[in-house]
Amino acid sequence: MPRFVQIADVAETLNISARQAYSLVKSGELPAIKVGNSWRVESAELESYIERAYAQTRRQVENNELVDDDVEA
């Protein structure tokens, strides 16, 4: 895996839109750098974000706080 990936690759990995991926960067949830006019996310940061998301989901499940607003039929 390359050290840095583009926003489009982040979106594909997380199965979200590029706009949603950019929002994660803009909010600071997913650290990134700007190279020229393009954003790059370090692969290790993407993996760390995924681990944090898993941990948050585990806490929500344990506390019975999980909301099923994103359930696909």
PDB file of N, CA and C in Angstrom:
ATOM      1  N   MET A   1       0.848  -1.177   0.000  1.00  0.00           N
ATOM      2  CA  MET A   1       0.000   0.000   0.000  1.00  0.00           C
ATOM      3  C   MET A   1       0.896   1.243   0.000  1.00  0.00           C
ATOM      4  N   PRO A   2       0.550   2.239  -0.821  1.00  0.00           N
ATOM      5  CA  PRO A   2       1.355   3.466  -0.839  1.00  0.00           C
ATOM      6  C   PRO A   2       1.227   4.227   0.480  1.00  0.00           C
ATOM      7  N   ARG A   3       2.218   5.062   0.752  1.00  0.00           N
ATOM      8  CA  ARG A   3       2.191   5.818   2.007  1.00  0.00           C
ATOM      9  C   ARG A   3       1.016   6.787   2.043  1.00  0.00           C
ATOM     10  N   PHE A   4       0.723   7.460   0.916  1.00  0.00           N
ATOM     11  CA  PHE A   4      -0.373   8.415   0.849  1.00  0.00           C
ATOM     12  C   PHE A   4      -1.386   7.989  -0.200  1.00  0.00           C
ATOM     13  N   VAL A   5      -2.660   8.269   0.076  1.00  0.00           N
ATOM     14  CA  VAL A   5      -3.733   7.980  -0.874  1.00  0.00           C
ATOM     15  C   VAL A   5      -4.542   9.238  -1.111  1.00  0.00           C
ATOM     16  N   GLN A   6      -5.200   9.284  -2.255  1.00  0.00           N
ATOM     17  CA  GLN A   6      -6.041  10.421  -2.607  1.00  0.00           C
ATOM     18  C   GLN A   6      -7.409  10.296  -1.945  1.00  0.00           C
ATOM     19  N   ILE A   7      -8.126  11.416  -1.907  1.00  0.00           N
ATOM     20  CA  ILE A   7      -9.467  11.433  -1.323  1.00  0.00           C
ATOM     21  C   ILE A   7     -10.368  10.404  -2.003  1.00  0.00           C
ATOM     22  N   ALA A   8     -10.250  10.257  -3.316  1.00  0.00           N
ATOM     23  CA  ALA A   8     -11.067   9.273  -4.035  1.00  0.00           C
ATOM     24  C   ALA A   8     -10.794   7.862  -3.520  1.00  0.00           C
ATOM     25  N   ASP A   9      -9.535   7.576  -3.181  1.00  0.00           N
ATOM     26  CA  ASP A   9      -9.183   6.254  -2.651  1.00  0.00           C
ATOM     27  C   ASP A   9      -9.736   6.063  -1.243  1.00  0.00           C
ATOM     28  N   VAL A  10      -9.715   7.134  -0.453  1.00  0.00           N
ATOM     29  CA  VAL A  10     -10.304   7.092   0.892  1.00  0.00           C
ATOM     30  C   VAL A  10     -11.794   6.780   0.764  1.00  0.00           C
ATOM     31  N   ALA A  11     -12.453   7.494  -0.135  1.00  0.00           N
ATOM     32  CA  ALA A  11     -13.887   7.294  -0.341  1.00  0.00           C
ATOM     33  C   ALA A  11     -14.189   5.860  -0.754  1.00  0.00           C
ATOM     34  N   GLU A  12     -13.378   5.323  -1.661  1.00  0.00           N
ATOM     35  CA  GLU A  12     -13.585   3.945  -2.108  1.00  0.00           C
ATOM     36  C   GLU A  12     -13.366   2.956  -0.965  1.00  0.00           C
ATOM     37  N   THR A  13     -12.322   3.170  -0.190  1.00  0.00           N
ATOM     38  CA  THR A  13     -12.024   2.273   0.934  1.00  0.00           C
ATOM     39  C   THR A  13     -13.160   2.255   1.943  1.00  0.00           C
ATOM     40  N   LEU A  14     -13.707   3.440   2.248  1.00  0.00           N
ATOM     41  CA  LEU A  14     -14.765   3.546   3.251  1.00  0.00           C
ATOM     42  C   LEU A  14     -16.163   3.368   2.663  1.00  0.00           C
ATOM     43  N   ASN A  15     -16.239   3.216   1.333  1.00  0.00           N
ATOM     44  CA  ASN A  15     -17.516   3.074   0.632  1.00  0.00           C
ATOM     45  C   ASN A  15     -18.433   4.271   0.911  1.00  0.00           C
ATOM     46  N   ILE A  16     -17.850   5.474   0.776  1.00  0.00           N
ATOM     47  CA  ILE A  16     -18.581   6.726   0.945  1.00  0.00           C
ATOM     48  C   ILE A  16     -18.277   7.604  -0.271  1.00  0.00           C
ATOM     49  N   SER A  17     -18.954   8.731  -0.358  1.00  0.00           N
ATOM     50  CA  SER A  17     -18.689   9.643  -1.469  1.00  0.00           C
ATOM     51  C   SER A  17     -17.406  10.434  -1.212  1.00  0.00           C
ATOM     52  N   ALA A  18     -16.845  10.972  -2.275  1.00  0.00           N
ATOM     53  CA  ALA A  18     -15.659  11.822  -2.137  1.00  0.00           C
ATOM     54  C   ALA A  18     -15.984  13.038  -1.276  1.00  0.00           C
ATOM     55  N   ARG A  19     -17.193  13.561  -1.400  1.00  0.00           N
ATOM     56  CA  ARG A  19     -17.613  14.707  -0.581  1.00  0.00           C
ATOM     57  C   ARG A  19     -17.608  14.349   0.915  1.00  0.00           C
ATOM     58  N   GLN A  20     -18.098  13.153   1.239  1.00  0.00           N
ATOM     59  CA  GLN A  20     -18.082  12.710   2.637  1.00  0.00           C
ATOM     60  C   GLN A  20     -16.645  12.535   3.129  1.00  0.00           C
ATOM     61  N   ALA A  21     -15.775  12.001   2.290  1.00  0.00           N
ATOM     62  CA  ALA A  21     -14.370  11.821   2.665  1.00  0.00           C
ATOM     63  C   ALA A  21     -13.715  13.173   2.906  1.00  0.00           C
ATOM     64  N   TYR A  22     -13.991  14.123   2.032  1.00  0.00           N
ATOM     65  CA  TYR A  22     -13.446  15.469   2.204  1.00  0.00           C
ATOM     66  C   TYR A  22     -13.970  16.089   3.496  1.00  0.00           C
ATOM     67  N   SER A  23     -15.218  15.837   3.841  1.00  0.00           N
ATOM     68  CA  SER A  23     -15.784  16.355   5.087  1.00  0.00           C
ATOM     69  C   SER A  23     -15.043  15.805   6.303  1.00  0.00           C
ATOM     70  N   LEU A  24     -14.637  14.544   6.233  1.00  0.00           N
ATOM     71  CA  LEU A  24     -13.856  13.955   7.331  1.00  0.00           C
ATOM     72  C   LEU A  24     -12.522  14.681   7.484  1.00  0.00           C
ATOM     73  N   VAL A  25     -11.918  15.037   6.354  1.00  0.00           N
ATOM     74  CA  VAL A  25     -10.649  15.775   6.381  1.00  0.00           C
ATOM     75  C   VAL A  25     -10.883  17.178   6.916  1.00  0.00           C
ATOM     76  N   LYS A  26     -11.894  17.845   6.386  1.00  0.00           N
ATOM     77  CA  LYS A  26     -12.184  19.224   6.770  1.00  0.00           C
ATOM     78  C   LYS A  26     -12.516  19.342   8.258  1.00  0.00           C
ATOM     79  N   SER A  27     -13.203  18.351   8.817  1.00  0.00           N
ATOM     80  CA  SER A  27     -13.578  18.378  10.234  1.00  0.00           C
ATOM     81  C   SER A  27     -12.408  18.035  11.155  1.00  0.00           C
ATOM     82  N   GLY A  28     -11.339  17.489  10.575  1.00  0.00           N
ATOM     83  CA  GLY A  28     -10.197  17.089  11.392  1.00  0.00           C
ATOM     84  C   GLY A  28     -10.264  15.654  11.878  1.00  0.00           C
ATOM     85  N   GLU A  29     -11.356  14.968  11.580  1.00  0.00           N
ATOM     86  CA  GLU A  29     -11.484  13.567  11.986  1.00  0.00           C
ATOM     87  C   GLU A  29     -10.457  12.682  11.300  1.00  0.00           C
ATOM     88  N   LEU A  30     -10.104  13.060  10.085  1.00  0.00           N
ATOM     89  CA  LEU A  30      -9.142  12.292   9.300  1.00  0.00           C
ATOM     90  C   LEU A  30      -8.018  13.232   8.871  1.00  0.00           C
ATOM     91  N   PRO A  31      -6.871  13.173   9.539  1.00  0.00           N
ATOM     92  CA  PRO A  31      -5.758  14.060   9.191  1.00  0.00           C
ATOM     93  C   PRO A  31      -5.295  13.854   7.752  1.00  0.00           C
ATOM     94  N   ALA A  32      -4.966  14.965   7.093  1.00  0.00           N
ATOM     95  CA  ALA A  32      -4.518  14.914   5.703  1.00  0.00           C
ATOM     96  C   ALA A  32      -3.576  16.085   5.448  1.00  0.00           C
ATOM     97  N   ILE A  33      -2.897  16.012   4.320  1.00  0.00           N
ATOM     98  CA  ILE A  33      -2.037  17.117   3.883  1.00  0.00           C
ATOM     99  C   ILE A  33      -2.482  17.534   2.492  1.00  0.00           C
ATOM    100  N   LYS A  34      -2.205  18.778   2.162  1.00  0.00           N
ATOM    101  CA  LYS A  34      -2.530  19.263   0.827  1.00  0.00           C
ATOM    102  C   LYS A  34      -1.242  19.334   0.027  1.00  0.00           C
ATOM    103  N   VAL A  35      -1.245  18.689  -1.127  1.00  0.00           N
ATOM    104  CA  VAL A  35      -0.108  18.684  -2.035  1.00  0.00           C
ATOM    105  C   VAL A  35      -0.592  19.344  -3.322  1.00  0.00           C
ATOM    106  N   GLY A  36      -0.127  20.554  -3.570  1.00  0.00           N
ATOM    107  CA  GLY A  36      -0.647  21.304  -4.707  1.00  0.00           C
ATOM    108  C   GLY A  36      -2.109  21.611  -4.466  1.00  0.00           C
ATOM    109  N   ASN A  37      -2.948  21.169  -5.369  1.00  0.00           N
ATOM    110  CA  ASN A  37      -4.388  21.373  -5.223  1.00  0.00           C
ATOM    111  C   ASN A  37      -5.130  20.138  -4.733  1.00  0.00           C
ATOM    112  N   SER A  38      -4.393  19.097  -4.389  1.00  0.00           N
ATOM    113  CA  SER A  38      -5.012  17.830  -4.005  1.00  0.00           C
ATOM    114  C   SER A  38      -4.693  17.458  -2.567  1.00  0.00           C
ATOM    115  N   TRP A  39      -5.653  16.820  -1.932  1.00  0.00           N
ATOM    116  CA  TRP A  39      -5.460  16.324  -0.576  1.00  0.00           C
ATOM    117  C   TRP A  39      -4.925  14.901  -0.611  1.00  0.00           C
ATOM    118  N   ARG A  40      -4.070  14.588   0.348  1.00  0.00           N
ATOM    119  CA  ARG A  40      -3.526  13.242   0.497  1.00  0.00           C
ATOM    120  C   ARG A  40      -3.681  12.812   1.955  1.00  0.00           C
ATOM    121  N   VAL A  41      -4.060  11.571   2.122  1.00  0.00           N
ATOM    122  CA  VAL A  41      -4.218  10.997   3.460  1.00  0.00           C
ATOM    123  C   VAL A  41      -3.187   9.890   3.605  1.00  0.00           C
ATOM    124  N   GLU A  42      -2.457   9.938   4.695  1.00  0.00           N
ATOM    125  CA  GLU A  42      -1.474   8.889   4.946  1.00  0.00           C
ATOM    126  C   GLU A  42      -2.217   7.584   5.237  1.00  0.00           C
ATOM    127  N   SER A  43      -1.780   6.511   4.629  1.00  0.00           N
ATOM    128  CA  SER A  43      -2.437   5.209   4.793  1.00  0.00           C
ATOM    129  C   SER A  43      -2.568   4.834   6.261  1.00  0.00           C
ATOM    130  N   ALA A  44      -1.548   5.124   7.051  1.00  0.00           N
ATOM    131  CA  ALA A  44      -1.590   4.812   8.483  1.00  0.00           C
ATOM    132  C   ALA A  44      -2.684   5.612   9.185  1.00  0.00           C
ATOM    133  N   GLU A  45      -2.911   6.859   8.751  1.00  0.00           N
ATOM    134  CA  GLU A  45      -3.971   7.682   9.338  1.00  0.00           C
ATOM    135  C   GLU A  45      -5.347   7.128   8.978  1.00  0.00           C
ATOM    136  N   LEU A  46      -5.490   6.638   7.757  1.00  0.00           N
ATOM    137  CA  LEU A  46      -6.753   6.032   7.347  1.00  0.00           C
ATOM    138  C   LEU A  46      -7.029   4.787   8.177  1.00  0.00           C
ATOM    139  N   GLU A  47      -6.028   3.957   8.368  1.00  0.00           N
ATOM    140  CA  GLU A  47      -6.198   2.754   9.194  1.00  0.00           C
ATOM    141  C   GLU A  47      -6.535   3.127  10.633  1.00  0.00           C
ATOM    142  N   SER A  48      -5.891   4.179  11.145  1.00  0.00           N
ATOM    143  CA  SER A  48      -6.174   4.645  12.505  1.00  0.00           C
ATOM    144  C   SER A  48      -7.615   5.143  12.616  1.00  0.00           C
ATOM    145  N   TYR A  49      -8.079   5.869  11.605  1.00  0.00           N
ATOM    146  CA  TYR A  49      -9.464   6.343  11.593  1.00  0.00           C
ATOM    147  C   TYR A  49     -10.430   5.154  11.645  1.00  0.00           C
ATOM    148  N   ILE A  50     -10.154   4.134  10.861  1.00  0.00           N
ATOM    149  CA  ILE A  50     -11.007   2.944  10.830  1.00  0.00           C
ATOM    150  C   ILE A  50     -11.026   2.267  12.204  1.00  0.00           C
ATOM    151  N   GLU A  51      -9.873   2.156  12.836  1.00  0.00           N
ATOM    152  CA  GLU A  51      -9.809   1.550  14.175  1.00  0.00           C
ATOM    153  C   GLU A  51     -10.606   2.374  15.185  1.00  0.00           C
ATOM    154  N   ARG A  52     -10.517   3.716  15.097  1.00  0.00           N
ATOM    155  CA  ARG A  52     -11.288   4.575  16.006  1.00  0.00           C
ATOM    156  C   ARG A  52     -12.788   4.390  15.766  1.00  0.00           C
ATOM    157  N   ALA A  53     -13.180   4.250  14.511  1.00  0.00           N
ATOM    158  CA  ALA A  53     -14.591   4.053  14.192  1.00  0.00           C
ATOM    159  C   ALA A  53     -15.091   2.719  14.749  1.00  0.00           C
ATOM    160  N   TYR A  54     -14.276   1.677  14.641  1.00  0.00           N
ATOM    161  CA  TYR A  54     -14.640   0.386  15.237  1.00  0.00           C
ATOM    162  C   TYR A  54     -14.791   0.514  16.751  1.00  0.00           C
ATOM    163  N   ALA A  55     -13.852   1.188  17.397  1.00  0.00           N
ATOM    164  CA  ALA A  55     -13.904   1.357  18.847  1.00  0.00           C
ATOM    165  C   ALA A  55     -15.150   2.128  19.267  1.00  0.00           C
ATOM    166  N   GLN A  56     -15.482   3.178  18.527  1.00  0.00           N
ATOM    167  CA  GLN A  56     -16.671   3.959  18.835  1.00  0.00           C
ATOM    168  C   GLN A  56     -17.929   3.110  18.682  1.00  0.00           C
ATOM    169  N   THR A  57     -17.983   2.312  17.627  1.00  0.00           N
ATOM    170  CA  THR A  57     -19.136   1.445  17.412  1.00  0.00           C
ATOM    171  C   THR A  57     -19.257   0.417  18.525  1.00  0.00           C
ATOM    172  N   ARG A  58     -18.112  -0.162  18.937  1.00  0.00           N
ATOM    173  CA  ARG A  58     -18.142  -1.127  20.043  1.00  0.00           C
ATOM    174  C   ARG A  58     -18.713  -0.491  21.305  1.00  0.00           C
ATOM    175  N   ARG A  59     -18.272   0.737  21.621  1.00  0.00           N
ATOM    176  CA  ARG A  59     -18.782   1.436  22.812  1.00  0.00           C
ATOM    177  C   ARG A  59     -20.289   1.668  22.694  1.00  0.00           C
ATOM    178  N   GLN A  60     -20.742   2.058  21.509  1.00  0.00           N
ATOM    179  CA  GLN A  60     -22.173   2.301  21.321  1.00  0.00           C
ATOM    180  C   GLN A  60     -22.976   1.013  21.479  1.00  0.00           C
ATOM    181  N   VAL A  61     -22.454  -0.086  20.974  1.00  0.00           N
ATOM    182  CA  VAL A  61     -23.134  -1.365  21.117  1.00  0.00           C
ATOM    183  C   VAL A  61     -23.181  -1.763  22.585  1.00  0.00           C
ATOM    184  N   GLU A  62     -22.052  -1.633  23.278  1.00  0.00           N
ATOM    185  CA  GLU A  62     -21.988  -1.995  24.699  1.00  0.00           C
ATOM    186  C   GLU A  62     -22.939  -1.155  25.541  1.00  0.00           C
ATOM    187  N   ASN A  63     -23.112   0.104  25.166  1.00  0.00           N
ATOM    188  CA  ASN A  63     -23.983   1.003  25.919  1.00  0.00           C
ATOM    189  C   ASN A  63     -25.397   1.056  25.352  1.00  0.00           C
ATOM    190  N   ASN A  64     -25.680   0.160  24.413  1.00  0.00           N
ATOM    191  CA  ASN A  64     -26.993   0.086  23.773  1.00  0.00           C
ATOM    192  C   ASN A  64     -27.398   1.435  23.182  1.00  0.00           C
ATOM    193  N   GLU A  65     -26.443   2.137  22.578  1.00  0.00           N
ATOM    194  CA  GLU A  65     -26.677   3.457  22.009  1.00  0.00           C
ATOM    195  C   GLU A  65     -26.642   3.447  20.479  1.00  0.00           C
ATOM    196  N   LEU A  66     -26.522   2.296  19.890  1.00  0.00           N
ATOM    197  CA  LEU A  66     -26.415   2.211  18.443  1.00  0.00           C
ATOM    198  C   LEU A  66     -27.756   2.552  17.801  1.00  0.00           C
ATOM    199  N   VAL A  67     -27.726   3.497  16.869  1.00  0.00           N
ATOM    200  CA  VAL A  67     -28.925   3.919  16.159  1.00  0.00           C
ATOM    201  C   VAL A  67     -28.904   3.283  14.782  1.00  0.00           C
ATOM    202  N   ASP A  68     -30.000   2.670  14.405  1.00  0.00           N
ATOM    203  CA  ASP A  68     -30.090   1.964  13.127  1.00  0.00           C
ATOM    204  C   ASP A  68     -30.597   2.885  12.020  1.00  0.00           C
ATOM    205  N   ASP A  69     -29.999   4.079  11.877  1.00  0.00           N
ATOM    206  CA  ASP A  69     -30.454   5.007  10.858  1.00  0.00           C
ATOM    207  C   ASP A  69     -29.756   4.792   9.520  1.00  0.00           C
ATOM    208  N   ASP A  70     -28.809   3.871   9.459  1.00  0.00           N
ATOM    209  CA  ASP A  70     -28.077   3.635   8.227  1.00  0.00           C
ATOM    210  C   ASP A  70     -28.170   2.178   7.794  1.00  0.00           C
ATOM    211  N   VAL A  71     -29.272   1.554   8.118  1.00  0.00           N
ATOM    212  CA  VAL A  71     -29.465   0.147   7.788  1.00  0.00           C
ATOM    213  C   VAL A  71     -29.918   0.045   6.337  1.00  0.00           C
ATOM    214  N   GLU A  72     -29.197  -0.773   5.581  1.00  0.00           N
ATOM    215  CA  GLU A  72     -29.567  -0.991   4.192  1.00  0.00           C
ATOM    216  C   GLU A  72     -30.496  -2.173   4.102  1.00  0.00           C
ATOM    217  N   ALA A  73     -31.526  -2.030   3.309  1.00  0.00           N
ATOM    218  CA  ALA A  73     -32.511  -3.128   3.146  1.00  0.00           C
ATOM    219  C   ALA A  73     -32.018  -4.155   2.164  1.00  0.00           C
TER     220      ALA A  73
END
